[in-house]
């Protein structure tokens, strides 16, 4: 009886260890895929953007990483669809950023 319980505990522990190993491998593969994707985006942006525009995008990435990621994805999609024929300048990037930035409501306070 004790041997059966011990064998069952060993079997369960072995299954648990196998699941952990598989989960760890899956996480490592996902991290590697993400690194490759980031590398591809970085290379594409180097081809698409002028140095000043790339610098502006990197500055935005420091303050608003989610917004910068969305802009990067949009720029890559524009380039892949063939809508970008020449490198994007800083002024063009500013215009694109203004279009993508949600408009803020203006509050006007009047005192009587």
PDB file of N, CA and C in Angstrom:
ATOM      1  N   UNK A   1       0.819  -1.190   0.000  1.00  0.00           N
ATOM      2  CA  UNK A   1       0.000   0.000   0.000  1.00  0.00           C
ATOM      3  C   UNK A   1       0.861   1.250   0.000  1.00  0.00           C
ATOM      4  N   UNK A   2       1.868   1.278   0.849  1.00  0.00           N
ATOM      5  CA  UNK A   2       2.757   2.424   0.940  1.00  0.00           C
ATOM      6  C   UNK A   2       3.531   2.568  -0.366  1.00  0.00           C
ATOM      7  N   UNK A   3       3.943   1.451  -0.960  1.00  0.00           N
ATOM      8  CA  UNK A   3       4.684   1.497  -2.220  1.00  0.00           C
ATOM      9  C   UNK A   3       3.820   2.077  -3.336  1.00  0.00           C
ATOM     10  N   UNK A   4       2.520   1.729  -3.351  1.00  0.00           N
ATOM     11  CA  UNK A   4       1.617   2.259  -4.368  1.00  0.00           C
ATOM     12  C   UNK A   4       1.453   3.773  -4.229  1.00  0.00           C
ATOM     13  N   UNK A   5       1.302   4.226  -2.993  1.00  0.00           N
ATOM     14  CA  UNK A   5       1.166   5.666  -2.745  1.00  0.00           C
ATOM     15  C   UNK A   5       2.440   6.405  -3.137  1.00  0.00           C
ATOM     16  N   UNK A   6       3.578   5.828  -2.797  1.00  0.00           N
ATOM     17  CA  UNK A   6       4.865   6.430  -3.135  1.00  0.00           C
ATOM     18  C   UNK A   6       5.053   6.489  -4.648  1.00  0.00           C
ATOM     19  N   UNK A   7       4.668   5.435  -5.343  1.00  0.00           N
ATOM     20  CA  UNK A   7       4.773   5.413  -6.802  1.00  0.00           C
ATOM     21  C   UNK A   7       3.842   6.458  -7.415  1.00  0.00           C
ATOM     22  N   UNK A   8       2.656   6.617  -6.861  1.00  0.00           N
ATOM     23  CA  UNK A   8       1.705   7.618  -7.355  1.00  0.00           C
ATOM     24  C   UNK A   8       2.251   9.038  -7.134  1.00  0.00           C
ATOM     25  N   UNK A   9       2.822   9.281  -5.971  1.00  0.00           N
ATOM     26  CA  UNK A   9       3.418  10.596  -5.695  1.00  0.00           C
ATOM     27  C   UNK A   9       4.577  10.885  -6.657  1.00  0.00           C
ATOM     28  N   UNK A  10       5.388   9.892  -6.920  1.00  0.00           N
ATOM     29  CA  UNK A  10       6.515  10.066  -7.854  1.00  0.00           C
ATOM     30  C   UNK A  10       6.000  10.353  -9.266  1.00  0.00           C
ATOM     31  N   UNK A  11       4.967   9.641  -9.666  1.00  0.00           N
ATOM     32  CA  UNK A  11       4.407   9.837 -10.994  1.00  0.00           C
ATOM     33  C   UNK A  11       3.837  11.263 -11.134  1.00  0.00           C
ATOM     34  N   UNK A  12       3.109  11.711 -10.104  1.00  0.00           N
ATOM     35  CA  UNK A  12       2.551  13.065 -10.136  1.00  0.00           C
ATOM     36  C   UNK A  12       3.646  14.126 -10.179  1.00  0.00           C
ATOM     37  N   UNK A  13       4.669  13.905  -9.377  1.00  0.00           N
ATOM     38  CA  UNK A  13       5.786  14.865  -9.335  1.00  0.00           C
ATOM     39  C   UNK A  13       6.503  14.902 -10.694  1.00  0.00           C
ATOM     40  N   UNK A  14       6.649  13.776 -11.313  1.00  0.00           N
ATOM     41  CA  UNK A  14       7.302  13.710 -12.623  1.00  0.00           C
ATOM     42  C   UNK A  14       6.475  14.451 -13.669  1.00  0.00           C
ATOM     43  N   UNK A  15       5.153  14.261 -13.630  1.00  0.00           N
ATOM     44  CA  UNK A  15       4.280  14.966 -14.564  1.00  0.00           C
ATOM     45  C   UNK A  15       4.351  16.482 -14.342  1.00  0.00           C
ATOM     46  N   UNK A  16       4.380  16.880 -13.080  1.00  0.00           N
ATOM     47  CA  UNK A  16       4.468  18.296 -12.762  1.00  0.00           C
ATOM     48  C   UNK A  16       5.781  18.893 -13.290  1.00  0.00           C
ATOM     49  N   UNK A  17       6.858  18.186 -13.127  1.00  0.00           N
ATOM     50  CA  UNK A  17       8.155  18.665 -13.612  1.00  0.00           C
ATOM     51  C   UNK A  17       8.166  18.760 -15.139  1.00  0.00           C
ATOM     52  N   UNK A  18       7.542  17.799 -15.805  1.00  0.00           N
ATOM     53  CA  UNK A  18       7.472  17.834 -17.266  1.00  0.00           C
ATOM     54  C   UNK A  18       6.654  19.028 -17.748  1.00  0.00           C
ATOM     55  N   UNK A  19       5.545  19.298 -17.063  1.00  0.00           N
ATOM     56  CA  UNK A  19       4.728  20.465 -17.430  1.00  0.00           C
ATOM     57  C   UNK A  19       5.502  21.760 -17.246  1.00  0.00           C
ATOM     58  N   UNK A  20       6.238  21.865 -16.149  1.00  0.00           N
ATOM     59  CA  UNK A  20       7.034  23.060 -15.900  1.00  0.00           C
ATOM     60  C   UNK A  20       8.102  23.241 -16.973  1.00  0.00           C
ATOM     61  N   UNK A  21       8.735  22.170 -17.375  1.00  0.00           N
ATOM     62  CA  UNK A  21       9.759  22.231 -18.416  1.00  0.00           C
ATOM     63  C   UNK A  21       9.149  22.682 -19.740  1.00  0.00           C
ATOM     64  N   UNK A  22       7.993  22.131 -20.069  1.00  0.00           N
ATOM     65  CA  UNK A  22       7.322  22.516 -21.318  1.00  0.00           C
ATOM     66  C   UNK A  22       6.887  23.984 -21.278  1.00  0.00           C
ATOM     67  N   UNK A  23       6.377  24.439 -20.137  1.00  0.00           N
ATOM     68  CA  UNK A  23       5.970  25.834 -19.990  1.00  0.00           C
ATOM     69  C   UNK A  23       7.167  26.765 -20.145  1.00  0.00           C
ATOM     70  N   UNK A  24       8.274  26.379 -19.560  1.00  0.00           N
ATOM     71  CA  UNK A  24       9.486  27.197 -19.642  1.00  0.00           C
ATOM     72  C   UNK A  24       9.978  27.266 -21.088  1.00  0.00           C
ATOM     73  N   UNK A  25       9.947  26.159 -21.807  1.00  0.00           N
ATOM     74  CA  UNK A  25      10.377  26.147 -23.204  1.00  0.00           C
ATOM     75  C   UNK A  25       9.458  27.021 -24.058  1.00  0.00           C
ATOM     76  N   UNK A  26       8.169  26.957 -23.784  1.00  0.00           N
ATOM     77  CA  UNK A  26       7.209  27.780 -24.525  1.00  0.00           C
ATOM     78  C   UNK A  26       7.462  29.258 -24.275  1.00  0.00           C
ATOM     79  N   UNK A  27       7.737  29.622 -23.037  1.00  0.00           N
ATOM     80  CA  UNK A  27       8.020  31.008 -22.707  1.00  0.00           C
ATOM     81  C   UNK A  27       9.301  31.486 -23.389  1.00  0.00           C
ATOM     82  N   UNK A  28      10.319  30.642 -23.417  1.00  0.00           N
ATOM     83  CA  UNK A  28      11.577  31.000 -24.067  1.00  0.00           C
ATOM     84  C   UNK A  28      11.387  31.178 -25.568  1.00  0.00           C
ATOM     85  N   UNK A  29      10.600  30.303 -26.192  1.00  0.00           N
ATOM     86  CA  UNK A  29      10.325  30.416 -27.625  1.00  0.00           C
ATOM     87  C   UNK A  29       9.562  31.698 -27.923  1.00  0.00           C
ATOM     88  N   UNK A  30       8.600  32.035 -27.086  1.00  0.00           N
ATOM     89  CA  UNK A  30       7.821  33.260 -27.270  1.00  0.00           C
ATOM     90  C   UNK A  30       8.713  34.493 -27.117  1.00  0.00           C
ATOM     91  N   UNK A  31       9.599  34.476 -26.146  1.00  0.00           N
ATOM     92  CA  UNK A  31      10.522  35.595 -25.952  1.00  0.00           C
ATOM     93  C   UNK A  31      11.450  35.745 -27.156  1.00  0.00           C
ATOM     94  N   UNK A  32      11.902  34.640 -27.704  1.00  0.00           N
ATOM     95  CA  UNK A  32      12.772  34.685 -28.886  1.00  0.00           C
ATOM     96  C   UNK A  32      12.011  35.237 -30.091  1.00  0.00           C
ATOM     97  N   UNK A  33      10.771  34.825 -30.274  1.00  0.00           N
ATOM     98  CA  UNK A  33       9.949  35.353 -31.367  1.00  0.00           C
ATOM     99  C   UNK A  33       9.754  36.861 -31.226  1.00  0.00           C
ATOM    100  N   UNK A  34       9.522  37.312 -29.989  1.00  0.00           N
ATOM    101  CA  UNK A  34       9.325  38.735 -29.735  1.00  0.00           C
ATOM    102  C   UNK A  34      10.605  39.522 -30.033  1.00  0.00           C
ATOM    103  N   UNK A  35      11.759  38.974 -29.656  1.00  0.00           N
ATOM    104  CA  UNK A  35      13.037  39.635 -29.949  1.00  0.00           C
ATOM    105  C   UNK A  35      13.258  39.747 -31.453  1.00  0.00           C
ATOM    106  N   UNK A  36      12.934  38.691 -32.189  1.00  0.00           N
ATOM    107  CA  UNK A  36      13.098  38.724 -33.636  1.00  0.00           C
ATOM    108  C   UNK A  36      12.163  39.754 -34.270  1.00  0.00           C
ATOM    109  N   UNK A  37      10.929  39.816 -33.796  1.00  0.00           N
ATOM    110  CA  UNK A  37       9.970  40.783 -34.313  1.00  0.00           C
ATOM    111  C   UNK A  37      10.436  42.213 -34.038  1.00  0.00           C
ATOM    112  N   UNK A  38      10.913  42.462 -32.825  1.00  0.00           N
ATOM    113  CA  UNK A  38      11.427  43.785 -32.477  1.00  0.00           C
ATOM    114  C   UNK A  38      12.617  44.158 -33.352  1.00  0.00           C
ATOM    115  N   UNK A  39      13.468  43.197 -33.615  1.00  0.00           N
ATOM    116  CA  UNK A  39      14.623  43.440 -34.468  1.00  0.00           C
ATOM    117  C   UNK A  39      14.193  43.786 -35.889  1.00  0.00           C
ATOM    118  N   UNK A  40      13.214  43.078 -36.414  1.00  0.00           N
ATOM    119  CA  UNK A  40      12.713  43.359 -37.757  1.00  0.00           C
ATOM    120  C   UNK A  40      12.082  44.743 -37.832  1.00  0.00           C
ATOM    121  N   UNK A  41      11.335  45.120 -36.802  1.00  0.00           N
ATOM    122  CA  UNK A  41      10.710  46.443 -36.773  1.00  0.00           C
ATOM    123  C   UNK A  41      11.790  47.519 -36.716  1.00  0.00           C
ATOM    124  N   UNK A  42      12.813  47.308 -35.901  1.00  0.00           N
ATOM    125  CA  UNK A  42      13.905  48.277 -35.780  1.00  0.00           C
ATOM    126  C   UNK A  42      14.612  48.473 -37.119  1.00  0.00           C
ATOM    127  N   UNK A  43      14.866  47.388 -37.833  1.00  0.00           N
ATOM    128  CA  UNK A  43      15.526  47.475 -39.141  1.00  0.00           C
ATOM    129  C   UNK A  43      14.628  48.204 -40.135  1.00  0.00           C
ATOM    130  N   UNK A  44      13.343  47.878 -40.121  1.00  0.00           N
ATOM    131  CA  UNK A  44      12.409  48.535 -41.037  1.00  0.00           C
ATOM    132  C   UNK A  44      12.338  50.034 -40.753  1.00  0.00           C
ATOM    133  N   UNK A  45      12.319  50.405 -39.477  1.00  0.00           N
ATOM    134  CA  UNK A  45      12.254  51.825 -39.128  1.00  0.00           C
ATOM    135  C   UNK A  45      13.531  52.565 -39.534  1.00  0.00           C
ATOM    136  N   UNK A  46      14.659  51.895 -39.482  1.00  0.00           N
ATOM    137  CA  UNK A  46      15.903  52.527 -39.909  1.00  0.00           C
ATOM    138  C   UNK A  46      15.858  52.838 -41.403  1.00  0.00           C
ATOM    139  N   UNK A  47      15.174  51.997 -42.169  1.00  0.00           N
ATOM    140  CA  UNK A  47      15.045  52.224 -43.610  1.00  0.00           C
ATOM    141  C   UNK A  47      13.988  53.271 -43.917  1.00  0.00           C
ATOM    142  N   UNK A  48      12.953  53.361 -43.099  1.00  0.00           N
ATOM    143  CA  UNK A  48      11.820  54.240 -43.361  1.00  0.00           C
ATOM    144  C   UNK A  48      12.090  55.675 -42.901  1.00  0.00           C
ATOM    145  N   UNK A  49      12.694  55.834 -41.724  1.00  0.00           N
ATOM    146  CA  UNK A  49      12.789  57.138 -41.084  1.00  0.00           C
ATOM    147  C   UNK A  49      14.153  57.801 -41.272  1.00  0.00           C
ATOM    148  N   UNK A  50      14.129  59.110 -41.409  1.00  0.00           N
ATOM    149  CA  UNK A  50      15.349  59.905 -41.363  1.00  0.00           C
ATOM    150  C   UNK A  50      15.875  59.863 -39.924  1.00  0.00           C
ATOM    151  N   UNK A  51      17.153  60.137 -39.713  1.00  0.00           N
ATOM    152  CA  UNK A  51      17.704  60.072 -38.341  1.00  0.00           C
ATOM    153  C   UNK A  51      16.973  60.967 -37.337  1.00  0.00           C
ATOM    154  N   UNK A  52      16.590  62.177 -37.747  1.00  0.00           N
ATOM    155  CA  UNK A  52      15.895  63.084 -36.815  1.00  0.00           C
ATOM    156  C   UNK A  52      14.532  62.514 -36.418  1.00  0.00           C
ATOM    157  N   UNK A  53      13.839  61.947 -37.382  1.00  0.00           N
ATOM    158  CA  UNK A  53      12.530  61.362 -37.101  1.00  0.00           C
ATOM    159  C   UNK A  53      12.675  60.148 -36.192  1.00  0.00           C
ATOM    160  N   UNK A  54      13.706  59.351 -36.436  1.00  0.00           N
ATOM    161  CA  UNK A  54      13.941  58.180 -35.588  1.00  0.00           C
ATOM    162  C   UNK A  54      14.256  58.619 -34.157  1.00  0.00           C
ATOM    163  N   UNK A  55      15.001  59.698 -34.023  1.00  0.00           N
ATOM    164  CA  UNK A  55      15.327  60.226 -32.701  1.00  0.00           C
ATOM    165  C   UNK A  55      14.061  60.702 -31.984  1.00  0.00           C
ATOM    166  N   UNK A  56      13.172  61.377 -32.726  1.00  0.00           N
ATOM    167  CA  UNK A  56      11.914  61.841 -32.144  1.00  0.00           C
ATOM    168  C   UNK A  56      11.078  60.644 -31.673  1.00  0.00           C
ATOM    169  N   UNK A  57      11.014  59.621 -32.484  1.00  0.00           N
ATOM    170  CA  UNK A  57      10.232  58.438 -32.116  1.00  0.00           C
ATOM    171  C   UNK A  57      10.824  57.760 -30.882  1.00  0.00           C
ATOM    172  N   UNK A  58      12.137  57.722 -30.787  1.00  0.00           N
ATOM    173  CA  UNK A  58      12.775  57.138 -29.603  1.00  0.00           C
ATOM    174  C   UNK A  58      12.483  57.960 -28.355  1.00  0.00           C
ATOM    175  N   UNK A  59      12.426  59.275 -28.496  1.00  0.00           N
ATOM    176  CA  UNK A  59      12.086  60.131 -27.359  1.00  0.00           C
ATOM    177  C   UNK A  59      10.652  59.872 -26.910  1.00  0.00           C
ATOM    178  N   UNK A  60       9.764  59.732 -27.875  1.00  0.00           N
ATOM    179  CA  UNK A  60       8.366  59.429 -27.541  1.00  0.00           C
ATOM    180  C   UNK A  60       8.273  58.081 -26.848  1.00  0.00           C
ATOM    181  N   UNK A  61       9.101  57.148 -27.293  1.00  0.00           N
ATOM    182  CA  UNK A  61       9.077  55.803 -26.708  1.00  0.00           C
ATOM    183  C   UNK A  61       9.424  55.839 -25.215  1.00  0.00           C
ATOM    184  N   UNK A  62      10.265  56.781 -24.817  1.00  0.00           N
ATOM    185  CA  UNK A  62      10.629  56.901 -23.402  1.00  0.00           C
ATOM    186  C   UNK A  62       9.456  57.374 -22.553  1.00  0.00           C
ATOM    187  N   UNK A  63       8.650  58.276 -23.106  1.00  0.00           N
ATOM    188  CA  UNK A  63       7.557  58.833 -22.306  1.00  0.00           C
ATOM    189  C   UNK A  63       6.244  58.082 -22.476  1.00  0.00           C
ATOM    190  N   UNK A  64       5.966  57.628 -23.695  1.00  0.00           N
ATOM    191  CA  UNK A  64       4.707  56.935 -23.975  1.00  0.00           C
ATOM    192  C   UNK A  64       4.981  55.684 -24.804  1.00  0.00           C
ATOM    193  N   UNK A  65       5.452  54.611 -24.170  1.00  0.00           N
ATOM    194  CA  UNK A  65       5.862  53.418 -24.922  1.00  0.00           C
ATOM    195  C   UNK A  65       4.734  52.768 -25.734  1.00  0.00           C
ATOM    196  N   UNK A  66       3.523  52.751 -25.215  1.00  0.00           N
ATOM    197  CA  UNK A  66       2.416  52.120 -25.942  1.00  0.00           C
ATOM    198  C   UNK A  66       2.085  52.905 -27.213  1.00  0.00           C
ATOM    199  N   UNK A  67       2.058  54.217 -27.091  1.00  0.00           N
ATOM    200  CA  UNK A  67       1.768  55.067 -28.241  1.00  0.00           C
ATOM    201  C   UNK A  67       2.870  54.928 -29.290  1.00  0.00           C
ATOM    202  N   UNK A  68       4.122  54.916 -28.841  1.00  0.00           N
ATOM    203  CA  UNK A  68       5.250  54.778 -29.773  1.00  0.00           C
ATOM    204  C   UNK A  68       5.197  53.435 -30.490  1.00  0.00           C
ATOM    205  N   UNK A  69       4.820  52.388 -29.791  1.00  0.00           N
ATOM    206  CA  UNK A  69       4.708  51.064 -30.404  1.00  0.00           C
ATOM    207  C   UNK A  69       3.634  51.067 -31.489  1.00  0.00           C
ATOM    208  N   UNK A  70       2.509  51.724 -31.200  1.00  0.00           N
ATOM    209  CA  UNK A  70       1.431  51.809 -32.191  1.00  0.00           C
ATOM    210  C   UNK A  70       1.899  52.593 -33.417  1.00  0.00           C
ATOM    211  N   UNK A  71       2.647  53.672 -33.208  1.00  0.00           N
ATOM    212  CA  UNK A  71       3.163  54.464 -34.321  1.00  0.00           C
ATOM    213  C   UNK A  71       4.143  53.629 -35.142  1.00  0.00           C
ATOM    214  N   UNK A  72       5.006  52.900 -34.462  1.00  0.00           N
ATOM    215  CA  UNK A  72       5.969  52.039 -35.166  1.00  0.00           C
ATOM    216  C   UNK A  72       5.241  51.024 -36.037  1.00  0.00           C
ATOM    217  N   UNK A  73       4.234  50.383 -35.476  1.00  0.00           N
ATOM    218  CA  UNK A  73       3.485  49.385 -36.235  1.00  0.00           C
ATOM    219  C   UNK A  73       2.798  50.016 -37.439  1.00  0.00           C
ATOM    220  N   UNK A  74       2.257  51.212 -37.253  1.00  0.00           N
ATOM    221  CA  UNK A  74       1.591  51.888 -38.359  1.00  0.00           C
ATOM    222  C   UNK A  74       2.606  52.239 -39.452  1.00  0.00           C
ATOM    223  N   UNK A  75       3.778  52.714 -39.070  1.00  0.00           N
ATOM    224  CA  UNK A  75       4.800  53.056 -40.056  1.00  0.00           C
ATOM    225  C   UNK A  75       5.251  51.823 -40.837  1.00  0.00           C
ATOM    226  N   UNK A  76       5.431  50.719 -40.153  1.00  0.00           N
ATOM    227  CA  UNK A  76       5.847  49.490 -40.824  1.00  0.00           C
ATOM    228  C   UNK A  76       4.754  49.016 -41.778  1.00  0.00           C
ATOM    229  N   UNK A  77       3.502  49.111 -41.352  1.00  0.00           N
ATOM    230  CA  UNK A  77       2.406  48.700 -42.235  1.00  0.00           C
ATOM    231  C   UNK A  77       2.335  49.596 -43.470  1.00  0.00           C
ATOM    232  N   UNK A  78       2.555  50.900 -43.293  1.00  0.00           N
ATOM    233  CA  UNK A  78       2.564  51.817 -44.442  1.00  0.00           C
ATOM    234  C   UNK A  78       3.674  51.445 -45.420  1.00  0.00           C
ATOM    235  N   UNK A  79       4.825  51.119 -44.878  1.00  0.00           N
ATOM    236  CA  UNK A  79       5.961  50.757 -45.735  1.00  0.00           C
ATOM    237  C   UNK A  79       5.694  49.435 -46.456  1.00  0.00           C
ATOM    238  N   UNK A  80       5.118  48.475 -45.769  1.00  0.00           N
ATOM    239  CA  UNK A  80       4.849  47.178 -46.378  1.00  0.00           C
ATOM    240  C   UNK A  80       3.792  47.275 -47.465  1.00  0.00           C
ATOM    241  N   UNK A  81       2.847  48.194 -47.297  1.00  0.00           N
ATOM    242  CA  UNK A  81       1.796  48.341 -48.302  1.00  0.00           C
ATOM    243  C   UNK A  81       2.263  49.186 -49.482  1.00  0.00           C
ATOM    244  N   UNK A  82       3.459  49.757 -49.390  1.00  0.00           N
ATOM    245  CA  UNK A  82       4.010  50.537 -50.492  1.00  0.00           C
ATOM    246  C   UNK A  82       3.572  51.982 -50.505  1.00  0.00           C
ATOM    247  N   UNK A  83       2.979  52.453 -49.430  1.00  0.00           N
ATOM    248  CA  UNK A  83       2.505  53.835 -49.382  1.00  0.00           C
ATOM    249  C   UNK A  83       3.617  54.809 -49.006  1.00  0.00           C
ATOM    250  N   UNK A  84       4.752  54.291 -48.550  1.00  0.00           N
ATOM    251  CA  UNK A  84       5.901  55.137 -48.236  1.00  0.00           C
ATOM    252  C   UNK A  84       6.924  54.919 -49.338  1.00  0.00           C
ATOM    253  N   UNK A  85       7.147  55.946 -50.125  1.00  0.00           N
ATOM    254  CA  UNK A  85       8.064  55.825 -51.263  1.00  0.00           C
ATOM    255  C   UNK A  85       9.448  56.388 -50.950  1.00  0.00           C
ATOM    256  N   UNK A  86       9.512  57.312 -50.019  1.00  0.00           N
ATOM    257  CA  UNK A  86      10.792  57.900 -49.623  1.00  0.00           C
ATOM    258  C   UNK A  86      10.867  57.921 -48.105  1.00  0.00           C
ATOM    259  N   UNK A  87      12.038  58.239 -47.601  1.00  0.00           N
ATOM    260  CA  UNK A  87      12.207  58.252 -46.155  1.00  0.00           C
ATOM    261  C   UNK A  87      11.376  59.362 -45.533  1.00  0.00           C
ATOM    262  N   UNK A  88      10.828  59.085 -44.360  1.00  0.00           N
ATOM    263  CA  UNK A  88       9.971  60.028 -43.660  1.00  0.00           C
ATOM    264  C   UNK A  88      10.847  61.001 -42.881  1.00  0.00           C
ATOM    265  N   UNK A  89      10.598  62.286 -43.087  1.00  0.00           N
ATOM    266  CA  UNK A  89      11.365  63.314 -42.390  1.00  0.00           C
ATOM    267  C   UNK A  89      10.739  63.582 -41.031  1.00  0.00           C
ATOM    268  N   UNK A  90      11.438  64.405 -40.259  1.00  0.00           N
ATOM    269  CA  UNK A  90      10.938  64.757 -38.933  1.00  0.00           C
ATOM    270  C   UNK A  90       9.629  65.528 -39.043  1.00  0.00           C
ATOM    271  N   UNK A  91       9.528  66.437 -40.004  1.00  0.00           N
ATOM    272  CA  UNK A  91       8.302  67.217 -40.177  1.00  0.00           C
ATOM    273  C   UNK A  91       7.124  66.311 -40.562  1.00  0.00           C
ATOM    274  N   UNK A  92       7.374  65.335 -41.416  1.00  0.00           N
ATOM    275  CA  UNK A  92       6.306  64.414 -41.806  1.00  0.00           C
ATOM    276  C   UNK A  92       5.875  63.561 -40.613  1.00  0.00           C
ATOM    277  N   UNK A  93       6.846  63.151 -39.798  1.00  0.00           N
ATOM    278  CA  UNK A  93       6.517  62.360 -38.611  1.00  0.00           C
ATOM    279  C   UNK A  93       5.690  63.192 -37.636  1.00  0.00           C
ATOM    280  N   UNK A  94       6.041  64.480 -37.482  1.00  0.00           N
ATOM    281  CA  UNK A  94       5.251  65.353 -36.613  1.00  0.00           C
ATOM    282  C   UNK A  94       3.801  65.401 -37.078  1.00  0.00           C
ATOM    283  N   UNK A  95       3.594  65.551 -38.389  1.00  0.00           N
ATOM    284  CA  UNK A  95       2.243  65.583 -38.931  1.00  0.00           C
ATOM    285  C   UNK A  95       1.492  64.291 -38.660  1.00  0.00           C
ATOM    286  N   UNK A  96       2.171  63.167 -38.823  1.00  0.00           N
ATOM    287  CA  UNK A  96       1.548  61.869 -38.554  1.00  0.00           C
ATOM    288  C   UNK A  96       1.200  61.741 -37.077  1.00  0.00           C
ATOM    289  N   UNK A  97       2.089  62.199 -36.213  1.00  0.00           N
ATOM    290  CA  UNK A  97       1.835  62.124 -34.773  1.00  0.00           C
ATOM    291  C   UNK A  97       0.648  62.994 -34.386  1.00  0.00           C
ATOM    292  N   UNK A  98       0.535  64.156 -35.006  1.00  0.00           N
ATOM    293  CA  UNK A  98      -0.610  65.027 -34.711  1.00  0.00           C
ATOM    294  C   UNK A  98      -1.917  64.357 -35.123  1.00  0.00           C
ATOM    295  N   UNK A  99      -1.895  63.640 -36.234  1.00  0.00           N
ATOM    296  CA  UNK A  99      -3.100  62.942 -36.680  1.00  0.00           C
ATOM    297  C   UNK A  99      -3.460  61.801 -35.741  1.00  0.00           C
ATOM    298  N   UNK A 100      -2.454  61.121 -35.213  1.00  0.00           N
ATOM    299  CA  UNK A 100      -2.703  59.956 -34.367  1.00  0.00           C
ATOM    300  C   UNK A 100      -3.023  60.321 -32.921  1.00  0.00           C
ATOM    301  N   UNK A 101      -2.587  61.506 -32.486  1.00  0.00           N
ATOM    302  CA  UNK A 101      -2.835  61.919 -31.113  1.00  0.00           C
ATOM    303  C   UNK A 101      -4.293  62.315 -30.967  1.00  0.00           C
ATOM    304  N   UNK A 102      -4.970  61.748 -30.000  1.00  0.00           N
ATOM    305  CA  UNK A 102      -6.381  62.106 -29.822  1.00  0.00           C
ATOM    306  C   UNK A 102      -6.506  63.580 -29.443  1.00  0.00           C
ATOM    307  N   UNK A 103      -7.533  64.207 -29.970  1.00  0.00           N
ATOM    308  CA  UNK A 103      -7.721  65.627 -29.686  1.00  0.00           C
ATOM    309  C   UNK A 103      -8.140  65.803 -28.233  1.00  0.00           C
ATOM    310  N   UNK A 104      -7.621  66.858 -27.651  1.00  0.00           N
ATOM    311  CA  UNK A 104      -7.947  67.150 -26.258  1.00  0.00           C
ATOM    312  C   UNK A 104      -9.083  68.149 -26.231  1.00  0.00           C
ATOM    313  N   UNK A 105      -9.916  68.001 -25.264  1.00  0.00           N
ATOM    314  CA  UNK A 105     -10.999  68.962 -25.096  1.00  0.00           C
ATOM    315  C   UNK A 105     -10.432  70.226 -24.467  1.00  0.00           C
ATOM    316  N   UNK A 106     -10.884  71.338 -24.982  1.00  0.00           N
ATOM    317  CA  UNK A 106     -10.474  72.606 -24.388  1.00  0.00           C
ATOM    318  C   UNK A 106     -11.523  73.027 -23.401  1.00  0.00           C
ATOM    319  N   UNK A 107     -11.058  73.451 -22.259  1.00  0.00           N
ATOM    320  CA  UNK A 107     -11.955  73.967 -21.233  1.00  0.00           C
ATOM    321  C   UNK A 107     -11.764  75.468 -21.178  1.00  0.00           C
ATOM    322  N   UNK A 108     -12.861  76.160 -21.196  1.00  0.00           N
ATOM    323  CA  UNK A 108     -12.791  77.600 -21.142  1.00  0.00           C
ATOM    324  C   UNK A 108     -13.515  78.035 -19.865  1.00  0.00           C
ATOM    325  N   UNK A 109     -12.795  78.706 -19.033  1.00  0.00           N
ATOM    326  CA  UNK A 109     -13.359  79.169 -17.769  1.00  0.00           C
ATOM    327  C   UNK A 109     -13.546  80.680 -17.859  1.00  0.00           C
ATOM    328  N   UNK A 110     -14.733  81.107 -17.636  1.00  0.00           N
ATOM    329  CA  UNK A 110     -14.997  82.554 -17.631  1.00  0.00           C
ATOM    330  C   UNK A 110     -15.426  82.953 -16.241  1.00  0.00           C
ATOM    331  N   UNK A 111     -14.862  84.052 -15.797  1.00  0.00           N
ATOM    332  CA  UNK A 111     -15.210  84.554 -14.464  1.00  0.00           C
ATOM    333  C   UNK A 111     -16.043  85.803 -14.618  1.00  0.00           C
ATOM    334  N   UNK A 112     -17.007  85.930 -13.767  1.00  0.00           N
ATOM    335  CA  UNK A 112     -17.904  87.093 -13.817  1.00  0.00           C
ATOM    336  C   UNK A 112     -17.646  88.010 -12.670  1.00  0.00           C
TER     337      UNK A 112
END
